[in-house]
Amino acid sequence: MTLSRTQTTFSPPVMEARRWLQGVEFTDDRPLLNVSQAAPVDPPPLPMRQAMADMIVNDDASHLYGPVLGLDALRAEVAGEWSDAYGGTVTDAQVAITSGCNQAFAAAIASLASEGDEVIVPVPYYFNHRMWLDMAGVRTVPLLTGADLLPDTDQAARLITDRTRAIALVTPNNPGGVEYPAELVRAFFDLARRHDIALIVDETYRDFHAHVGAPHDLFTDPDWDDTLIQLYSFSKAYRLTGHRVGALVTSTKRMAEVEKFLDTVTICPNQLGQRAALWGMQNLRDWLAGERLEILDRRAAINEGFGVLADQGWTLMGCGAYFAYVQHPYSRPSDEVAKALVREAGVLMLPGTMFMPDEMPQGARQMRVAFANIDRTGVGDLFRRLASTAL
């Protein structure tokens, strides 16, 4: 029996993990610590919500169809900010607004690959990327990373075939948290260009990078768009998760193909979300800087306090943006450990098996901690619970 496209991939991991909560009771003195999903649970800041309320009442166009590739003003704002931030040239016509960053990835793949083609993806990988490649009939070629979770260009070069259409990187990384050095991103760009394939760089978490300044120099290349496809999400920056607003930056030639995909799937991005993103870019620069500092403080808390877990045999493999990626000390595989931690510690996190192909055993020892919604105090509570739990 022939499988449908959706039957070629696995169930959504976050939804599966939520089902582990069924039948488990949590108490006031030990409430659930949910470190499973990398999305802020707080709403947008009040000034943004007030601006959105005004848009709903007074901007009739916020309720109508808009341009397939997004609002002209938002595309222009992204192009201008990116040109300044990266020290290169990005034009309005090279920017598309999408219904979240996942759709940006899907649109990029649709413009690149056909059934049986290949995309090289470092592992551990972002599971939704793998899911879309499966459903598109595109083979995910895993590029195993080392103890530092950084991919190697020489290893990647050995994986390139005549069916390879792209290399897809995520930096700061999901699930690993690591920030790819600028010279490594450049090396992958050069590799992709030499082989006439695309380099997809998902920078969903760029606003929470630890270093000030451009995280890479790719946009300074006057011909960057012959190789680079960059993805971005407004959801993390402005807490617009439910409004689904992302961006894709690429060549105008590829944009014509992207437009076909977006017009067929959603017709246009969410109008209110786009207007909110534009308002945020124009009015919340200082607020976003504060959000970045808070995330960096949580990152520091993890690095400073991890010793209590290291004493119990845990290893911190990577930490940055919204994530810590760890190796657990138990003999049981990580999917069993994750389920047991819900019951025994009141902690929900995702196992490394969700970020690896089944044939790669490394995931059985690894776990992802998404700390977007726990502050420094919550980090301490998490570590105490894990350190005192024997499985």
Protein backbone atom coordinates (compact mmCIF):
# COMPACT_ATOMS: atom_id res chain seq x y z
CA MET A 1 0.00 0.00 0.00
CA THR A 2 1.36 3.39 -0.98
CA LEU A 3 1.89 5.82 1.90
CA SER A 4 0.44 9.31 1.83
CA ARG A 5 2.93 12.15 2.12
CA THR A 6 2.06 12.71 5.80
CA GLN A 7 2.50 9.01 6.56
CA THR A 8 6.14 9.22 5.52
CA THR A 9 7.11 11.09 8.67
CA PHE A 10 6.67 10.91 12.46
CA SER A 11 4.12 12.52 14.76
CA PRO A 12 4.81 16.09 15.98
CA PRO A 13 7.21 15.67 18.94
CA VAL A 14 5.89 18.53 21.09
CA MET A 15 2.34 17.20 20.80
CA GLU A 16 3.55 13.71 21.69
CA ALA A 17 5.36 15.03 24.76
CA ARG A 18 2.25 16.85 25.96
CA ARG A 19 0.42 13.55 26.02
CA TRP A 20 2.89 12.33 28.63
CA LEU A 21 1.23 14.76 31.08
CA GLN A 22 -2.09 12.94 30.96
CA GLY A 23 -2.91 11.34 34.30
CA VAL A 24 0.03 12.94 36.13
CA GLU A 25 -0.86 15.21 39.05
CA PHE A 26 1.34 18.17 39.95
CA THR A 27 1.26 19.96 43.29
CA ASP A 28 1.58 23.57 44.40
CA ASP A 29 4.95 22.87 45.98
CA ARG A 30 6.17 21.04 42.87
CA PRO A 31 4.35 22.39 39.81
CA LEU A 32 5.17 21.26 36.31
CA LEU A 33 8.43 22.64 34.93
CA ASN A 34 7.82 22.65 31.18
CA VAL A 35 11.10 22.95 29.30
CA SER A 36 9.88 21.12 26.21
CA GLN A 37 8.99 23.91 23.77
CA ALA A 38 11.06 26.81 22.51
CA ALA A 39 8.29 29.39 22.42
CA PRO A 40 7.49 32.19 24.86
CA VAL A 41 4.24 31.63 26.73
CA ASP A 42 3.78 35.30 27.64
CA PRO A 43 1.75 37.53 25.29
CA PRO A 44 3.34 40.42 23.40
CA PRO A 45 4.21 43.46 25.54
CA LEU A 46 1.23 45.62 26.46
CA PRO A 47 2.10 48.57 24.17
CA MET A 48 2.16 46.20 21.21
CA ARG A 49 -1.17 44.66 22.18
CA GLN A 50 -2.69 48.12 22.51
CA ALA A 51 -1.37 49.02 19.06
CA MET A 52 -2.82 45.76 17.69
CA ALA A 53 -6.19 46.55 19.25
CA ASP A 54 -6.18 49.89 17.47
CA MET A 55 -5.30 48.15 14.20
CA ILE A 56 -8.22 45.76 14.59
CA VAL A 57 -10.69 48.62 15.09
CA ASN A 58 -9.30 51.28 12.80
CA ASP A 59 -7.28 49.58 10.05
CA ASP A 60 -9.79 47.84 7.77
CA ALA A 61 -6.99 46.35 5.65
CA SER A 62 -5.83 44.27 8.63
CA HIS A 63 -8.85 42.01 7.99
CA LEU A 64 -8.37 41.55 4.24
CA TYR A 65 -6.15 39.65 1.85
CA GLY A 66 -2.81 41.28 1.29
CA PRO A 67 0.20 40.76 -0.99
CA VAL A 68 1.31 37.13 -1.23
CA LEU A 69 4.90 38.02 -0.32
CA GLY A 70 3.89 40.24 2.58
CA LEU A 71 3.30 43.87 3.39
CA ASP A 72 5.52 46.20 1.40
CA ALA A 73 6.32 48.25 4.50
CA LEU A 74 7.40 45.21 6.52
CA ARG A 75 9.53 43.84 3.68
CA ALA A 76 11.21 47.24 3.40
CA GLU A 77 11.78 47.40 7.16
CA VAL A 78 13.42 43.98 7.17
CA ALA A 79 15.57 44.84 4.16
CA GLY A 80 16.77 48.05 5.77
CA GLU A 81 17.50 46.54 9.17
CA TRP A 82 19.26 43.53 7.68
CA SER A 83 21.42 45.75 5.46
CA ASP A 84 22.49 47.75 8.50
CA ALA A 85 22.93 44.80 10.85
CA TYR A 86 24.91 42.60 8.45
CA GLY A 87 26.81 45.35 6.64
CA GLY A 88 25.58 44.27 3.22
CA THR A 89 22.82 45.01 0.75
CA VAL A 90 19.35 43.44 1.03
CA THR A 91 16.53 44.86 -1.06
CA ASP A 92 12.77 44.76 -0.47
CA ALA A 93 12.37 42.42 -3.43
CA GLN A 94 14.67 39.88 -1.75
CA VAL A 95 12.41 39.60 1.33
CA ALA A 96 9.25 37.54 1.69
CA ILE A 97 7.07 37.50 4.79
CA THR A 98 5.79 34.02 5.63
CA SER A 99 3.34 32.41 8.04
CA GLY A 100 6.04 31.57 10.55
CA CYS A 101 9.59 30.39 9.99
CA ASN A 102 8.50 26.78 9.43
CA GLN A 103 6.65 27.92 6.33
CA ALA A 104 9.73 29.83 5.20
CA PHE A 105 11.70 26.57 5.32
CA ALA A 106 8.94 24.69 3.49
CA ALA A 107 8.83 27.36 0.79
CA ALA A 108 12.60 27.28 0.38
CA ILE A 109 12.61 23.49 -0.04
CA ALA A 110 9.69 23.64 -2.48
CA SER A 111 11.69 26.07 -4.61
CA LEU A 112 14.81 23.90 -4.51
CA ALA A 113 14.05 20.21 -4.50
CA SER A 114 12.06 17.46 -6.16
CA GLU A 115 11.17 13.93 -5.11
CA GLY A 116 14.36 11.96 -4.45
CA ASP A 117 16.61 14.98 -4.02
CA GLU A 118 18.74 15.43 -0.91
CA VAL A 119 19.38 18.09 1.74
CA ILE A 120 22.31 17.82 4.17
CA VAL A 121 21.26 18.60 7.74
CA PRO A 122 23.53 18.59 10.81
CA VAL A 123 22.31 16.34 13.61
CA PRO A 124 20.91 16.70 16.16
CA TYR A 125 18.45 18.49 13.88
CA TYR A 126 15.32 20.61 14.28
CA PHE A 127 12.63 17.97 13.92
CA ASN A 128 10.18 20.08 11.89
CA HIS A 129 12.83 20.46 9.20
CA ARG A 130 13.13 16.68 9.01
CA MET A 131 9.35 16.30 8.96
CA TRP A 132 8.93 18.66 6.02
CA LEU A 133 11.71 17.01 4.05
CA ASP A 134 10.02 13.64 4.62
CA MET A 135 6.66 14.93 3.45
CA ALA A 136 8.24 16.57 0.41
CA GLY A 137 9.89 13.30 -0.59
CA VAL A 138 13.33 14.82 -0.07
CA ARG A 139 15.98 12.68 1.62
CA THR A 140 17.49 14.08 4.82
CA VAL A 141 21.22 13.39 4.74
CA PRO A 142 22.43 13.55 8.37
CA LEU A 143 25.72 15.29 9.10
CA LEU A 144 26.76 14.10 12.54
CA THR A 145 28.32 16.78 14.73
CA GLY A 146 31.02 16.25 17.32
CA ALA A 147 31.11 16.81 21.06
CA ASP A 148 30.97 20.59 20.46
CA LEU A 149 27.82 20.15 18.28
CA LEU A 150 29.48 22.03 15.41
CA PRO A 151 29.24 20.58 11.88
CA ASP A 152 32.39 19.98 9.84
CA THR A 153 32.67 21.19 6.24
CA ASP A 154 35.00 18.38 5.20
CA GLN A 155 32.49 15.79 6.36
CA ALA A 156 29.71 17.70 4.62
CA ALA A 157 31.69 17.78 1.37
CA ARG A 158 31.90 13.98 1.40
CA LEU A 159 28.10 13.78 1.60
CA ILE A 160 27.39 15.92 -1.46
CA THR A 161 26.05 13.99 -4.47
CA ASP A 162 24.45 14.94 -7.75
CA ARG A 163 21.07 14.89 -5.92
CA THR A 164 22.14 17.35 -3.21
CA ARG A 165 20.20 20.59 -3.44
CA ALA A 166 21.08 22.35 -0.18
CA ILE A 167 22.81 22.35 3.18
CA ALA A 168 20.55 23.59 5.99
CA LEU A 169 22.07 25.18 9.12
CA VAL A 170 20.36 26.58 12.22
CA THR A 171 22.32 29.15 14.24
CA PRO A 172 21.98 29.79 17.13
CA ASN A 173 21.16 26.13 16.98
CA ASN A 174 17.96 24.31 17.77
CA PRO A 175 18.25 21.92 19.59
CA GLY A 176 21.91 22.36 20.54
CA GLY A 177 21.97 26.03 21.49
CA VAL A 178 25.44 26.51 20.03
CA GLU A 179 26.24 29.59 17.99
CA TYR A 180 28.09 28.75 14.80
CA PRO A 181 31.25 30.89 14.47
CA ALA A 182 31.18 33.37 11.59
CA GLU A 183 34.10 31.65 9.90
CA LEU A 184 32.27 28.30 10.00
CA VAL A 185 29.14 29.79 8.42
CA ARG A 186 31.35 31.36 5.74
CA ALA A 187 33.08 28.02 5.12
CA PHE A 188 29.72 26.34 4.54
CA PHE A 189 28.70 29.18 2.22
CA ASP A 190 31.89 28.71 0.19
CA LEU A 191 31.34 24.93 0.10
CA ALA A 192 27.77 25.34 -1.14
CA ARG A 193 28.80 27.84 -3.79
CA ARG A 194 31.58 25.58 -5.10
CA HIS A 195 29.04 22.79 -5.60
CA ASP A 196 26.30 25.08 -6.96
CA ILE A 197 23.84 24.20 -4.19
CA ALA A 198 21.97 26.43 -1.75
CA LEU A 199 22.95 27.22 1.82
CA ILE A 200 19.87 27.64 4.00
CA VAL A 201 20.63 29.49 7.24
CA ASP A 202 17.79 29.52 9.76
CA GLU A 203 18.40 32.42 12.15
CA THR A 204 15.19 32.19 14.15
CA TYR A 205 17.12 33.01 17.34
CA ARG A 206 19.43 35.71 15.97
CA ASP A 207 18.03 38.30 18.39
CA PHE A 208 19.41 36.31 21.34
CA HIS A 209 22.95 35.82 20.05
CA ALA A 210 25.55 36.29 22.80
CA HIS A 211 27.83 38.47 20.67
CA VAL A 212 27.10 42.01 19.59
CA GLY A 213 27.32 42.69 15.88
CA ALA A 214 26.74 40.66 12.75
CA PRO A 215 26.83 36.89 13.41
CA HIS A 216 28.32 36.30 9.93
CA ASP A 217 29.46 38.25 6.88
CA LEU A 218 27.52 36.47 4.14
CA PHE A 219 25.42 39.49 3.17
CA THR A 220 28.58 41.50 2.48
CA ASP A 221 29.17 39.34 -0.58
CA PRO A 222 27.65 41.30 -3.49
CA ASP A 223 26.37 38.04 -4.97
CA TRP A 224 25.17 36.46 -1.72
CA ASP A 225 21.81 35.59 -3.21
CA ASP A 226 23.24 33.08 -5.68
CA THR A 227 23.78 30.72 -2.72
CA LEU A 228 22.22 31.98 0.53
CA ILE A 229 18.63 31.54 1.67
CA GLN A 230 18.11 33.04 5.11
CA LEU A 231 15.12 32.32 7.37
CA TYR A 232 13.84 34.34 10.35
CA SER A 233 11.01 34.35 12.90
CA PHE A 234 9.26 37.31 14.52
CA SER A 235 7.61 34.91 16.97
CA LYS A 236 10.57 34.70 19.33
CA ALA A 237 11.52 38.38 19.15
CA TYR A 238 8.07 39.85 19.82
CA ARG A 239 6.12 36.91 21.33
CA LEU A 240 3.95 36.72 18.22
CA THR A 241 3.85 32.92 18.22
CA GLY A 242 0.10 32.64 17.64
CA HIS A 243 0.15 35.18 14.82
CA ARG A 244 2.62 33.19 12.70
CA VAL A 245 5.00 35.72 11.15
CA GLY A 246 8.35 34.76 9.67
CA ALA A 247 10.62 35.85 6.84
CA LEU A 248 12.61 34.39 3.97
CA VAL A 249 15.47 36.30 2.32
CA THR A 250 16.68 35.11 -1.07
CA SER A 251 17.22 36.09 -4.69
CA THR A 252 14.46 37.75 -6.69
CA LYS A 253 14.65 34.84 -9.13
CA ARG A 254 13.92 32.33 -6.38
CA MET A 255 11.30 34.66 -4.92
CA ALA A 256 9.14 34.04 -8.00
CA GLU A 257 9.10 30.33 -7.09
CA VAL A 258 8.49 31.05 -3.41
CA GLU A 259 5.49 33.19 -4.36
CA LYS A 260 3.87 30.22 -6.12
CA PHE A 261 4.17 28.12 -2.97
CA LEU A 262 2.90 30.81 -0.59
CA ASP A 263 -0.04 31.75 -2.81
CA THR A 264 -1.15 28.12 -2.92
CA VAL A 265 -0.76 27.40 0.81
CA THR A 266 -1.88 30.56 2.63
CA ILE A 267 -2.51 33.23 -0.06
CA CYS A 268 -0.98 35.83 2.25
CA PRO A 269 0.55 36.04 5.73
CA ASN A 270 -1.55 37.06 8.72
CA GLN A 271 -2.33 40.75 8.29
CA LEU A 272 -2.55 41.67 11.96
CA GLY A 273 0.63 39.75 12.79
CA GLN A 274 2.54 41.51 10.02
CA ARG A 275 1.41 44.92 11.22
CA ALA A 276 2.39 44.00 14.77
CA ALA A 277 5.83 42.85 13.60
CA LEU A 278 6.34 46.12 11.76
CA TRP A 279 5.25 48.10 14.81
CA GLY A 280 7.62 46.06 16.95
CA MET A 281 10.59 46.67 14.68
CA GLN A 282 9.88 50.40 14.74
CA ASN A 283 9.06 50.80 18.44
CA LEU A 284 10.44 47.96 20.57
CA ARG A 285 14.17 48.06 19.96
CA ASP A 286 14.99 48.83 23.61
CA TRP A 287 12.46 46.29 24.89
CA LEU A 288 13.94 43.58 22.67
CA ALA A 289 17.42 44.43 23.92
CA GLY A 290 16.13 43.81 27.44
CA GLU A 291 14.64 40.48 26.39
CA ARG A 292 18.01 39.48 24.97
CA LEU A 293 19.76 40.32 28.23
CA GLU A 294 17.24 38.22 30.18
CA ILE A 295 17.84 35.20 27.92
CA LEU A 296 21.60 35.69 28.27
CA ASP A 297 21.19 35.74 32.05
CA ARG A 298 19.34 32.42 31.92
CA ARG A 299 22.12 31.03 29.77
CA ALA A 300 24.64 32.22 32.35
CA ALA A 301 22.61 30.61 35.13
CA ILE A 302 22.78 27.27 33.34
CA ASN A 303 26.52 27.48 32.82
CA GLU A 304 27.14 28.65 36.38
CA GLY A 305 24.88 26.13 38.08
CA PHE A 306 25.41 23.03 35.96
CA GLY A 307 27.99 21.68 38.37
CA VAL A 308 25.27 20.19 40.55
CA LEU A 309 24.23 18.01 37.60
CA ALA A 310 27.78 17.34 36.45
CA ASP A 311 28.39 15.80 39.88
CA GLN A 312 25.59 13.36 39.07
CA GLY A 313 27.07 12.40 35.70
CA TRP A 314 25.26 14.84 33.42
CA THR A 315 27.19 16.63 30.62
CA LEU A 316 26.39 20.05 29.19
CA MET A 317 27.02 19.74 25.45
CA GLY A 318 25.72 23.11 24.26
CA CYS A 319 23.98 26.20 25.62
CA GLY A 320 22.66 29.32 23.91
CA ALA A 321 19.60 31.14 22.61
CA TYR A 322 16.64 29.25 24.14
CA PHE A 323 18.39 25.90 24.62
CA ALA A 324 20.68 23.73 26.65
CA TYR A 325 21.56 20.35 25.18
CA VAL A 326 22.67 17.75 27.68
CA GLN A 327 23.77 14.15 28.02
CA HIS A 328 22.06 12.20 30.80
CA PRO A 329 23.78 9.61 33.03
CA TYR A 330 21.13 6.87 33.00
CA SER A 331 21.28 3.44 31.40
CA ARG A 332 17.77 3.91 30.03
CA PRO A 333 17.25 5.59 26.63
CA SER A 334 16.31 9.25 26.61
CA ASP A 335 12.70 8.73 25.51
CA GLU A 336 12.11 6.56 28.58
CA VAL A 337 14.02 9.01 30.77
CA ALA A 338 11.90 11.93 29.52
CA LYS A 339 8.64 10.14 30.34
CA ALA A 340 9.92 9.10 33.77
CA LEU A 341 11.01 12.65 34.62
CA VAL A 342 7.44 13.86 34.19
CA ARG A 343 6.28 11.46 36.89
CA GLU A 344 9.30 11.49 39.18
CA ALA A 345 10.49 15.11 38.93
CA GLY A 346 7.59 17.09 37.47
CA VAL A 347 9.81 18.05 34.51
CA LEU A 348 8.82 17.90 30.85
CA MET A 349 11.71 17.98 28.38
CA LEU A 350 12.32 16.41 25.00
CA PRO A 351 14.57 13.39 24.45
CA GLY A 352 17.44 13.40 21.99
CA THR A 353 15.72 10.62 20.07
CA MET A 354 13.37 13.28 18.70
CA PHE A 355 16.30 15.12 17.11
CA MET A 356 18.08 12.17 15.50
CA PRO A 357 17.34 9.53 12.87
CA ASP A 358 16.38 6.20 14.44
CA GLU A 359 19.59 4.58 13.24
CA MET A 360 21.78 7.02 15.21
CA PRO A 361 22.16 5.80 18.81
CA GLN A 362 23.58 9.07 20.19
CA GLY A 363 20.10 10.48 20.74
CA ALA A 364 19.37 7.86 23.38
CA ARG A 365 21.82 9.62 25.72
CA GLN A 366 20.79 13.20 25.00
CA MET A 367 18.07 15.66 26.09
CA ARG A 368 17.02 19.19 25.10
CA VAL A 369 16.18 21.80 27.73
CA ALA A 370 14.24 24.79 26.34
CA PHE A 371 14.63 27.55 28.94
CA ALA A 372 12.60 30.28 27.25
CA ASN A 373 10.03 30.22 30.05
CA ILE A 374 12.09 29.62 33.19
CA ASP A 375 14.15 32.38 34.75
CA ARG A 376 17.29 32.07 36.89
CA THR A 377 15.23 30.82 39.84
CA GLY A 378 13.50 28.28 37.62
CA VAL A 379 16.87 27.06 36.33
CA GLY A 380 17.96 26.42 39.90
CA ASP A 381 14.75 24.53 40.65
CA LEU A 382 15.19 22.44 37.50
CA PHE A 383 18.72 21.46 38.45
CA ARG A 384 17.72 20.55 42.00
CA ARG A 385 14.91 18.32 40.74
CA LEU A 386 17.12 16.54 38.21
CA ALA A 387 20.00 16.10 40.66
CA SER A 388 17.74 14.53 43.28
CA THR A 389 15.97 12.14 40.89
CA ALA A 390 17.26 8.60 40.50
CA LEU A 391 15.92 6.61 37.57
